[in-house]
Amino acid sequence: MSGELVPITFFIGTFAMIFGIRYLSNKEKMAMIERGIDPGTKKSTPTPFLSLKFGLLLIGLGLGLIVALFTVRGIFGETLNESQQAQAVAVYFGSVLIFGGLGLVISYIIEKKWLDKQ
């Protein structure tokens, strides 16, 4: 019985999500028209540091993986039992998140310095 409810719930949820997005988008455009704003022209703000941000994030993630690899190999050696595998997974996730976050912080610092100069 519950196996039949999964596809039904999936399709109903998908339909509700698409309907909700379209409804809210239409409502937003109608509000813009009421205020005298042209809904066809969206103000897109330039993102000059987007590639820097993604680049430093990916560099941080890569460094996190390398640090985690060397840490796990240095602490546990080549073979891991089950409890050590769980700890190794925690080291990988922690390192990736920490170094990815450091990459984003470095990106923020670079952007802030550049914006303060102007």
Protein backbone atom coordinates (compact mmCIF):
# COMPACT_ATOMS: atom_id res chain seq x y z
CA MET A 1 0.00 0.00 0.00
CA SER A 2 2.70 2.53 0.93
CA GLY A 3 4.67 1.67 -2.22
CA GLU A 4 1.80 3.06 -4.30
CA LEU A 5 1.69 6.32 -2.36
CA VAL A 6 5.26 7.31 -3.16
CA PRO A 7 4.78 8.01 -6.91
CA ILE A 8 1.41 9.65 -6.29
CA THR A 9 2.86 11.92 -3.61
CA PHE A 10 5.85 12.70 -5.83
CA PHE A 11 3.69 13.82 -8.76
CA ILE A 12 1.32 15.82 -6.55
CA GLY A 13 4.26 17.51 -4.83
CA THR A 14 5.95 18.31 -8.15
CA PHE A 15 2.74 19.75 -9.56
CA ALA A 16 2.15 21.84 -6.43
CA MET A 17 5.71 23.18 -6.54
CA ILE A 18 5.51 24.16 -10.22
CA PHE A 19 2.06 25.69 -9.74
CA GLY A 20 3.26 27.65 -6.69
CA ILE A 21 6.32 29.01 -8.48
CA ARG A 22 4.25 30.13 -11.47
CA TYR A 23 1.56 31.64 -9.24
CA LEU A 24 4.05 33.65 -7.18
CA SER A 25 5.94 34.77 -10.28
CA ASN A 26 2.70 36.01 -11.84
CA LYS A 27 1.74 37.78 -8.60
CA GLU A 28 5.14 39.49 -8.49
CA LYS A 29 4.80 40.68 -12.09
CA MET A 30 1.29 42.01 -11.43
CA ALA A 31 2.56 43.95 -8.40
CA MET A 32 5.33 45.44 -10.55
CA ILE A 33 2.80 46.50 -13.19
CA GLU A 34 0.61 48.12 -10.51
CA ARG A 35 3.58 50.19 -9.33
CA GLY A 36 4.42 51.25 -12.88
CA ILE A 37 7.57 49.15 -13.23
CA ASP A 38 8.18 47.22 -16.42
CA PRO A 39 8.40 43.53 -15.41
CA GLY A 40 10.36 42.69 -18.56
CA THR A 41 13.44 44.58 -17.45
CA LYS A 42 14.99 42.93 -14.46
CA LYS A 43 17.83 44.71 -12.79
CA SER A 44 20.75 42.36 -12.87
CA THR A 45 23.57 43.36 -10.64
CA PRO A 46 26.99 42.54 -11.99
CA THR A 47 28.96 39.97 -10.04
CA PRO A 48 32.58 40.77 -10.82
CA PHE A 49 33.99 38.35 -8.24
CA LEU A 50 31.83 35.32 -9.03
CA SER A 51 34.61 33.37 -10.75
CA LEU A 52 37.04 34.28 -7.96
CA LYS A 53 34.56 33.02 -5.38
CA PHE A 54 33.96 29.72 -7.15
CA GLY A 55 37.65 29.29 -7.91
CA LEU A 56 38.69 29.77 -4.29
CA LEU A 57 35.83 27.52 -3.15
CA LEU A 58 36.96 24.71 -5.45
CA ILE A 59 40.60 25.18 -4.45
CA GLY A 60 39.53 24.99 -0.80
CA LEU A 61 37.53 21.82 -1.44
CA GLY A 62 40.48 20.23 -3.22
CA LEU A 63 42.87 21.17 -0.42
CA GLY A 64 40.38 19.78 2.08
CA LEU A 65 40.30 16.45 0.27
CA ILE A 66 44.10 16.26 0.08
CA VAL A 67 44.52 17.17 3.76
CA ALA A 68 41.87 14.62 4.72
CA LEU A 69 43.56 11.93 2.63
CA PHE A 70 46.95 12.51 4.24
CA THR A 71 45.39 12.77 7.70
CA VAL A 72 43.45 9.52 7.37
CA ARG A 73 46.42 7.67 5.87
CA GLY A 74 48.75 9.04 8.55
CA ILE A 75 46.49 8.19 11.47
CA PHE A 76 44.85 4.94 10.40
CA GLY A 77 47.26 3.50 7.83
CA GLU A 78 46.20 1.67 4.69
CA THR A 79 43.57 -0.69 6.11
CA LEU A 80 40.53 0.54 8.03
CA ASN A 81 38.04 -1.40 10.10
CA GLU A 82 34.40 -0.27 10.39
CA SER A 83 34.78 2.12 13.29
CA GLN A 84 37.82 3.68 11.66
CA GLN A 85 35.90 4.08 8.37
CA ALA A 86 33.25 6.15 10.14
CA GLN A 87 35.96 8.33 11.66
CA ALA A 88 37.65 8.68 8.28
CA VAL A 89 34.39 9.83 6.71
CA ALA A 90 34.04 12.43 9.45
CA VAL A 91 37.59 13.65 8.76
CA TYR A 92 36.82 13.95 5.03
CA PHE A 93 33.59 15.88 5.56
CA GLY A 94 35.12 18.12 8.18
CA SER A 95 38.18 18.94 6.11
CA VAL A 96 36.18 19.63 2.96
CA LEU A 97 33.78 21.95 4.80
CA ILE A 98 36.51 23.77 6.71
CA PHE A 99 38.73 24.38 3.68
CA GLY A 100 35.75 25.27 1.47
CA GLY A 101 34.68 27.81 4.07
CA LEU A 102 38.22 29.19 4.26
CA GLY A 103 38.17 29.64 0.48
CA LEU A 104 34.96 31.65 0.74
CA VAL A 105 36.35 33.74 3.60
CA ILE A 106 39.49 34.51 1.57
CA SER A 107 37.26 35.49 -1.36
CA TYR A 108 35.31 37.83 0.92
CA ILE A 109 38.51 39.43 2.22
CA ILE A 110 39.80 40.02 -1.32
CA GLU A 111 36.46 41.51 -2.42
CA LYS A 112 36.31 43.76 0.66
CA LYS A 113 39.84 45.07 0.08
CA TRP A 114 39.05 45.79 -3.56
CA LEU A 115 35.79 47.57 -2.73
CA ASP A 116 37.46 49.65 0.02
CA LYS A 117 40.03 50.91 -2.50
CA GLN A 118 37.32 52.36 -4.72
